[in-house]
Amino acid sequence: MVCFADIKKQTAALPIEQRASLASFLLHSLPEPDYDVSDEEVAERLRQLKSGEVSTISMTQLRDGVFSDRGR
C-alpha cells in the first residue's frame, strides 16, 4: 500500500494540469455537505457585515466557541 506522504510527493511532481485534474476529481469525490446556503443568504450576510450589523471573529474565537459548546 502506498503511504500518504508518497502520494503527496508524487502529486507535487505532476504537471499543473494533472494536479488540477486530480484536485477536481478529489473534490468531486467528497460527499455533499450537510448544509445548503443560498446565494440570497450569502448576500444578506455580506450586507450585514458591510453595514456593521455584525462583525467578524478570529479563528481562535470560533474554535473556543465550538469547543465550549462541546464541553471541552
PDB file of N, CA and C in Angstrom:
ATOM      1  N   MET A   1       0.836  -1.187   0.000  1.00  0.00           N
ATOM      2  CA  MET A   1       0.000   0.000   0.000  1.00  0.00           C
ATOM      3  C   MET A   1       0.882   1.253   0.000  1.00  0.00           C
ATOM      4  N   VAL A   2       0.495   2.239  -0.773  1.00  0.00           N
ATOM      5  CA  VAL A   2       1.232   3.489  -0.869  1.00  0.00           C
ATOM      6  C   VAL A   2       0.866   4.373   0.317  1.00  0.00           C
ATOM      7  N   CYS A   3       1.865   4.989   0.935  1.00  0.00           N
ATOM      8  CA  CYS A   3       1.570   5.863   2.076  1.00  0.00           C
ATOM      9  C   CYS A   3       1.210   7.271   1.579  1.00  0.00           C
ATOM     10  N   PHE A   4       0.511   7.987   2.425  1.00  0.00           N
ATOM     11  CA  PHE A   4       0.029   9.324   2.079  1.00  0.00           C
ATOM     12  C   PHE A   4       1.174  10.264   1.699  1.00  0.00           C
ATOM     13  N   ALA A   5       2.280  10.192   2.414  1.00  0.00           N
ATOM     14  CA  ALA A   5       3.428  11.054   2.110  1.00  0.00           C
ATOM     15  C   ALA A   5       3.943  10.802   0.694  1.00  0.00           C
ATOM     16  N   ASP A   6       3.954   9.538   0.281  1.00  0.00           N
ATOM     17  CA  ASP A   6       4.396   9.209  -1.082  1.00  0.00           C
ATOM     18  C   ASP A   6       3.425   9.764  -2.127  1.00  0.00           C
ATOM     19  N   ILE A   7       2.133   9.655  -1.832  1.00  0.00           N
ATOM     20  CA  ILE A   7       1.122  10.194  -2.756  1.00  0.00           C
ATOM     21  C   ILE A   7       1.308  11.700  -2.896  1.00  0.00           C
ATOM     22  N   LYS A   8       1.514  12.393  -1.783  1.00  0.00           N
ATOM     23  CA  LYS A   8       1.721  13.848  -1.843  1.00  0.00           C
ATOM     24  C   LYS A   8       2.963  14.187  -2.652  1.00  0.00           C
ATOM     25  N   LYS A   9       4.025  13.454  -2.447  1.00  0.00           N
ATOM     26  CA  LYS A   9       5.276  13.720  -3.161  1.00  0.00           C
ATOM     27  C   LYS A   9       5.099  13.487  -4.658  1.00  0.00           C
ATOM     28  N   GLN A  10       4.444  12.383  -5.030  1.00  0.00           N
ATOM     29  CA  GLN A  10       4.218  12.081  -6.435  1.00  0.00           C
ATOM     30  C   GLN A  10       3.276  13.100  -7.072  1.00  0.00           C
ATOM     31  N   THR A  11       2.268  13.508  -6.322  1.00  0.00           N
ATOM     32  CA  THR A  11       1.320  14.501  -6.826  1.00  0.00           C
ATOM     33  C   THR A  11       2.013  15.837  -7.076  1.00  0.00           C
ATOM     34  N   ALA A  12       2.868  16.247  -6.169  1.00  0.00           N
ATOM     35  CA  ALA A  12       3.577  17.521  -6.319  1.00  0.00           C
ATOM     36  C   ALA A  12       4.468  17.536  -7.557  1.00  0.00           C
ATOM     37  N   ALA A  13       4.894  16.363  -7.997  1.00  0.00           N
ATOM     38  CA  ALA A  13       5.768  16.274  -9.172  1.00  0.00           C
ATOM     39  C   ALA A  13       4.998  16.307 -10.489  1.00  0.00           C
ATOM     40  N   LEU A  14       3.672  16.194 -10.435  1.00  0.00           N
ATOM     41  CA  LEU A  14       2.863  16.203 -11.656  1.00  0.00           C
ATOM     42  C   LEU A  14       2.820  17.604 -12.277  1.00  0.00           C
ATOM     43  N   PRO A  15       2.610  17.683 -13.582  1.00  0.00           N
ATOM     44  CA  PRO A  15       2.393  18.989 -14.215  1.00  0.00           C
ATOM     45  C   PRO A  15       1.111  19.625 -13.649  1.00  0.00           C
ATOM     46  N   ILE A  16       1.037  20.930 -13.703  1.00  0.00           N
ATOM     47  CA  ILE A  16      -0.072  21.659 -13.095  1.00  0.00           C
ATOM     48  C   ILE A  16      -1.443  21.202 -13.607  1.00  0.00           C
ATOM     49  N   GLU A  17      -1.538  20.906 -14.895  1.00  0.00           N
ATOM     50  CA  GLU A  17      -2.824  20.471 -15.447  1.00  0.00           C
ATOM     51  C   GLU A  17      -3.278  19.158 -14.817  1.00  0.00           C
ATOM     52  N   GLN A  18      -2.347  18.238 -14.608  1.00  0.00           N
ATOM     53  CA  GLN A  18      -2.695  16.958 -13.997  1.00  0.00           C
ATOM     54  C   GLN A  18      -3.029  17.135 -12.514  1.00  0.00           C
ATOM     55  N   ARG A  19      -2.302  18.030 -11.829  1.00  0.00           N
ATOM     56  CA  ARG A  19      -2.620  18.297 -10.415  1.00  0.00           C
ATOM     57  C   ARG A  19      -4.003  18.907 -10.301  1.00  0.00           C
ATOM     58  N   ALA A  20      -4.342  19.823 -11.208  1.00  0.00           N
ATOM     59  CA  ALA A  20      -5.665  20.452 -11.193  1.00  0.00           C
ATOM     60  C   ALA A  20      -6.748  19.407 -11.453  1.00  0.00           C
ATOM     61  N   SER A  21      -6.511  18.517 -12.398  1.00  0.00           N
ATOM     62  CA  SER A  21      -7.470  17.463 -12.704  1.00  0.00           C
ATOM     63  C   SER A  21      -7.653  16.540 -11.496  1.00  0.00           C
ATOM     64  N   LEU A  22      -6.561  16.200 -10.845  1.00  0.00           N
ATOM     65  CA  LEU A  22      -6.629  15.351  -9.659  1.00  0.00           C
ATOM     66  C   LEU A  22      -7.368  16.066  -8.523  1.00  0.00           C
ATOM     67  N   ALA A  23      -7.086  17.344  -8.341  1.00  0.00           N
ATOM     68  CA  ALA A  23      -7.779  18.118  -7.301  1.00  0.00           C
ATOM     69  C   ALA A  23      -9.279  18.150  -7.561  1.00  0.00           C
ATOM     70  N   SER A  24      -9.654  18.356  -8.805  1.00  0.00           N
ATOM     71  CA  SER A  24     -11.068  18.363  -9.175  1.00  0.00           C
ATOM     72  C   SER A  24     -11.703  17.007  -8.905  1.00  0.00           C
ATOM     73  N   PHE A  25     -11.020  15.951  -9.283  1.00  0.00           N
ATOM     74  CA  PHE A  25     -11.529  14.601  -9.034  1.00  0.00           C
ATOM     75  C   PHE A  25     -11.735  14.370  -7.544  1.00  0.00           C
ATOM     76  N   LEU A  26     -10.750  14.735  -6.740  1.00  0.00           N
ATOM     77  CA  LEU A  26     -10.855  14.510  -5.300  1.00  0.00           C
ATOM     78  C   LEU A  26     -11.991  15.321  -4.685  1.00  0.00           C
ATOM     79  N   LEU A  27     -12.112  16.585  -5.087  1.00  0.00           N
ATOM     80  CA  LEU A  27     -13.194  17.416  -4.546  1.00  0.00           C
ATOM     81  C   LEU A  27     -14.565  16.858  -4.915  1.00  0.00           C
ATOM     82  N   HIS A  28     -14.703  16.394  -6.142  1.00  0.00           N
ATOM     83  CA  HIS A  28     -15.988  15.851  -6.576  1.00  0.00           C
ATOM     84  C   HIS A  28     -16.274  14.473  -5.980  1.00  0.00           C
ATOM     85  N   SER A  29     -15.246  13.823  -5.448  1.00  0.00           N
ATOM     86  CA  SER A  29     -15.451  12.503  -4.836  1.00  0.00           C
ATOM     87  C   SER A  29     -15.918  12.619  -3.387  1.00  0.00           C
ATOM     88  N   LEU A  30     -15.863  13.829  -2.819  1.00  0.00           N
ATOM     89  CA  LEU A  30     -16.308  14.027  -1.443  1.00  0.00           C
ATOM     90  C   LEU A  30     -17.827  14.030  -1.375  1.00  0.00           C
ATOM     91  N   PRO A  31     -18.383  13.625  -0.232  1.00  0.00           N
ATOM     92  CA  PRO A  31     -19.841  13.654  -0.098  1.00  0.00           C
ATOM     93  C   PRO A  31     -20.359  15.091  -0.080  1.00  0.00           C
ATOM     94  N   GLU A  32     -21.607  15.236  -0.444  1.00  0.00           N
ATOM     95  CA  GLU A  32     -22.237  16.553  -0.403  1.00  0.00           C
ATOM     96  C   GLU A  32     -22.273  17.048   1.041  1.00  0.00           C
ATOM     97  N   PRO A  33     -22.117  18.351   1.254  1.00  0.00           N
ATOM     98  CA  PRO A  33     -22.180  18.875   2.621  1.00  0.00           C
ATOM     99  C   PRO A  33     -23.584  18.713   3.200  1.00  0.00           C
ATOM    100  N   ASP A  34     -23.653  18.743   4.522  1.00  0.00           N
ATOM    101  CA  ASP A  34     -24.936  18.588   5.219  1.00  0.00           C
ATOM    102  C   ASP A  34     -25.691  19.904   5.325  1.00  0.00           C
ATOM    103  N   TYR A  35     -25.241  20.926   4.662  1.00  0.00           N
ATOM    104  CA  TYR A  35     -25.875  22.234   4.750  1.00  0.00           C
ATOM    105  C   TYR A  35     -26.060  22.807   3.353  1.00  0.00           C
ATOM    106  N   ASP A  36     -26.958  23.742   3.253  1.00  0.00           N
ATOM    107  CA  ASP A  36     -27.206  24.403   1.981  1.00  0.00           C
ATOM    108  C   ASP A  36     -27.393  25.884   2.266  1.00  0.00           C
ATOM    109  N   VAL A  37     -26.573  26.708   1.672  1.00  0.00           N
ATOM    110  CA  VAL A  37     -26.666  28.151   1.853  1.00  0.00           C
ATOM    111  C   VAL A  37     -26.976  28.764   0.496  1.00  0.00           C
ATOM    112  N   SER A  38     -28.079  29.509   0.434  1.00  0.00           N
ATOM    113  CA  SER A  38     -28.486  30.117  -0.827  1.00  0.00           C
ATOM    114  C   SER A  38     -27.652  31.361  -1.129  1.00  0.00           C
ATOM    115  N   ASP A  39     -27.662  31.757  -2.387  1.00  0.00           N
ATOM    116  CA  ASP A  39     -26.984  32.993  -2.780  1.00  0.00           C
ATOM    117  C   ASP A  39     -27.592  34.184  -2.047  1.00  0.00           C
ATOM    118  N   GLU A  40     -28.887  34.129  -1.816  1.00  0.00           N
ATOM    119  CA  GLU A  40     -29.564  35.225  -1.123  1.00  0.00           C
ATOM    120  C   GLU A  40     -29.067  35.345   0.311  1.00  0.00           C
ATOM    121  N   GLU A  41     -28.867  34.216   0.977  1.00  0.00           N
ATOM    122  CA  GLU A  41     -28.370  34.250   2.349  1.00  0.00           C
ATOM    123  C   GLU A  41     -26.955  34.791   2.402  1.00  0.00           C
ATOM    124  N   VAL A  42     -26.135  34.392   1.454  1.00  0.00           N
ATOM    125  CA  VAL A  42     -24.765  34.906   1.387  1.00  0.00           C
ATOM    126  C   VAL A  42     -24.789  36.420   1.184  1.00  0.00           C
ATOM    127  N   ALA A  43     -25.633  36.890   0.268  1.00  0.00           N
ATOM    128  CA  ALA A  43     -25.736  38.330   0.001  1.00  0.00           C
ATOM    129  C   ALA A  43     -26.200  39.079   1.243  1.00  0.00           C
ATOM    130  N   GLU A  44     -27.165  38.526   1.972  1.00  0.00           N
ATOM    131  CA  GLU A  44     -27.666  39.169   3.183  1.00  0.00           C
ATOM    132  C   GLU A  44     -26.588  39.229   4.263  1.00  0.00           C
ATOM    133  N   ARG A  45     -25.847  38.169   4.433  1.00  0.00           N
ATOM    134  CA  ARG A  45     -24.779  38.165   5.440  1.00  0.00           C
ATOM    135  C   ARG A  45     -23.675  39.156   5.066  1.00  0.00           C
ATOM    136  N   LEU A  46     -23.374  39.267   3.800  1.00  0.00           N
ATOM    137  CA  LEU A  46     -22.383  40.239   3.354  1.00  0.00           C
ATOM    138  C   LEU A  46     -22.875  41.661   3.593  1.00  0.00           C
ATOM    139  N   ARG A  47     -24.161  41.905   3.328  1.00  0.00           N
ATOM    140  CA  ARG A  47     -24.741  43.209   3.584  1.00  0.00           C
ATOM    141  C   ARG A  47     -24.657  43.544   5.076  1.00  0.00           C
ATOM    142  N   GLN A  48     -24.967  42.581   5.939  1.00  0.00           N
ATOM    143  CA  GLN A  48     -24.907  42.796   7.383  1.00  0.00           C
ATOM    144  C   GLN A  48     -23.484  43.121   7.825  1.00  0.00           C
ATOM    145  N   LEU A  49     -22.522  42.432   7.264  1.00  0.00           N
ATOM    146  CA  LEU A  49     -21.129  42.676   7.610  1.00  0.00           C
ATOM    147  C   LEU A  49     -20.699  44.074   7.180  1.00  0.00           C
ATOM    148  N   LYS A  50     -21.038  44.443   5.946  1.00  0.00           N
ATOM    149  CA  LYS A  50     -20.658  45.755   5.433  1.00  0.00           C
ATOM    150  C   LYS A  50     -21.341  46.892   6.181  1.00  0.00           C
ATOM    151  N   SER A  51     -22.578  46.663   6.652  1.00  0.00           N
ATOM    152  CA  SER A  51     -23.316  47.719   7.351  1.00  0.00           C
ATOM    153  C   SER A  51     -22.889  47.857   8.805  1.00  0.00           C
ATOM    154  N   GLY A  52     -22.136  46.879   9.312  1.00  0.00           N
ATOM    155  CA  GLY A  52     -21.720  46.924  10.706  1.00  0.00           C
ATOM    156  C   GLY A  52     -22.702  46.263  11.661  1.00  0.00           C
ATOM    157  N   GLU A  53     -23.786  45.690  11.135  1.00  0.00           N
ATOM    158  CA  GLU A  53     -24.754  44.993  11.986  1.00  0.00           C
ATOM    159  C   GLU A  53     -24.109  43.802  12.692  1.00  0.00           C
ATOM    160  N   VAL A  54     -23.171  43.176  12.027  1.00  0.00           N
ATOM    161  CA  VAL A  54     -22.440  42.051  12.594  1.00  0.00           C
ATOM    162  C   VAL A  54     -20.955  42.295  12.390  1.00  0.00           C
ATOM    163  N   SER A  55     -20.137  41.594  13.142  1.00  0.00           N
ATOM    164  CA  SER A  55     -18.697  41.721  12.966  1.00  0.00           C
ATOM    165  C   SER A  55     -18.075  40.336  12.888  1.00  0.00           C
ATOM    166  N   THR A  56     -16.869  40.290  12.421  1.00  0.00           N
ATOM    167  CA  THR A  56     -16.169  39.020  12.290  1.00  0.00           C
ATOM    168  C   THR A  56     -15.541  38.623  13.625  1.00  0.00           C
ATOM    169  N   ILE A  57     -15.176  37.355  13.732  1.00  0.00           N
ATOM    170  CA  ILE A  57     -14.432  36.871  14.883  1.00  0.00           C
ATOM    171  C   ILE A  57     -13.195  36.160  14.372  1.00  0.00           C
ATOM    172  N   SER A  58     -12.218  36.016  15.236  1.00  0.00           N
ATOM    173  CA  SER A  58     -10.983  35.343  14.840  1.00  0.00           C
ATOM    174  C   SER A  58     -11.193  33.828  14.833  1.00  0.00           C
ATOM    175  N   MET A  59     -10.273  33.127  14.214  1.00  0.00           N
ATOM    176  CA  MET A  59     -10.337  31.667  14.199  1.00  0.00           C
ATOM    177  C   MET A  59     -10.242  31.123  15.624  1.00  0.00           C
ATOM    178  N   THR A  60      -9.441  31.746  16.448  1.00  0.00           N
ATOM    179  CA  THR A  60      -9.310  31.323  17.849  1.00  0.00           C
ATOM    180  C   THR A  60     -10.645  31.459  18.570  1.00  0.00           C
ATOM    181  N   GLN A  61     -11.342  32.584  18.352  1.00  0.00           N
ATOM    182  CA  GLN A  61     -12.655  32.774  18.983  1.00  0.00           C
ATOM    183  C   GLN A  61     -13.649  31.725  18.488  1.00  0.00           C
ATOM    184  N   LEU A  62     -13.617  31.434  17.204  1.00  0.00           N
ATOM    185  CA  LEU A  62     -14.505  30.415  16.648  1.00  0.00           C
ATOM    186  C   LEU A  62     -14.218  29.060  17.281  1.00  0.00           C
ATOM    187  N   ARG A  63     -12.937  28.690  17.298  1.00  0.00           N
ATOM    188  CA  ARG A  63     -12.533  27.397  17.860  1.00  0.00           C
ATOM    189  C   ARG A  63     -12.931  27.303  19.331  1.00  0.00           C
ATOM    190  N   ASP A  64     -12.672  28.364  20.104  1.00  0.00           N
ATOM    191  CA  ASP A  64     -13.031  28.370  21.522  1.00  0.00           C
ATOM    192  C   ASP A  64     -14.538  28.207  21.706  1.00  0.00           C
ATOM    193  N   GLY A  65     -15.321  28.873  20.870  1.00  0.00           N
ATOM    194  CA  GLY A  65     -16.771  28.763  20.958  1.00  0.00           C
ATOM    195  C   GLY A  65     -17.268  27.376  20.616  1.00  0.00           C
ATOM    196  N   VAL A  66     -16.691  26.780  19.587  1.00  0.00           N
ATOM    197  CA  VAL A  66     -17.103  25.429  19.192  1.00  0.00           C
ATOM    198  C   VAL A  66     -16.752  24.442  20.300  1.00  0.00           C
ATOM    199  N   PHE A  67     -15.543  24.542  20.822  1.00  0.00           N
ATOM    200  CA  PHE A  67     -15.127  23.606  21.863  1.00  0.00           C
ATOM    201  C   PHE A  67     -15.922  23.801  23.149  1.00  0.00           C
ATOM    202  N   SER A  68     -16.269  25.048  23.475  1.00  0.00           N
ATOM    203  CA  SER A  68     -17.044  25.267  24.691  1.00  0.00           C
ATOM    204  C   SER A  68     -18.465  24.711  24.548  1.00  0.00           C
ATOM    205  N   ASP A  69     -19.001  24.763  23.326  1.00  0.00           N
ATOM    206  CA  ASP A  69     -20.319  24.179  23.072  1.00  0.00           C
ATOM    207  C   ASP A  69     -20.283  22.661  23.178  1.00  0.00           C
ATOM    208  N   ARG A  70     -19.108  22.092  22.952  1.00  0.00           N
ATOM    209  CA  ARG A  70     -18.970  20.634  23.024  1.00  0.00           C
ATOM    210  C   ARG A  70     -18.520  20.175  24.405  1.00  0.00           C
ATOM    211  N   GLY A  71     -18.366  21.133  25.321  1.00  0.00           N
ATOM    212  CA  GLY A  71     -17.978  20.788  26.684  1.00  0.00           C
ATOM    213  C   GLY A  71     -16.508  20.471  26.855  1.00  0.00           C
ATOM    214  N   ARG A  72     -15.681  21.009  25.990  1.00  0.00           N
ATOM    215  CA  ARG A  72     -14.233  20.751  26.084  1.00  0.00           C
ATOM    216  C   ARG A  72     -13.537  21.871  26.785  1.00  0.00           C
TER     217      ARG A  72
END
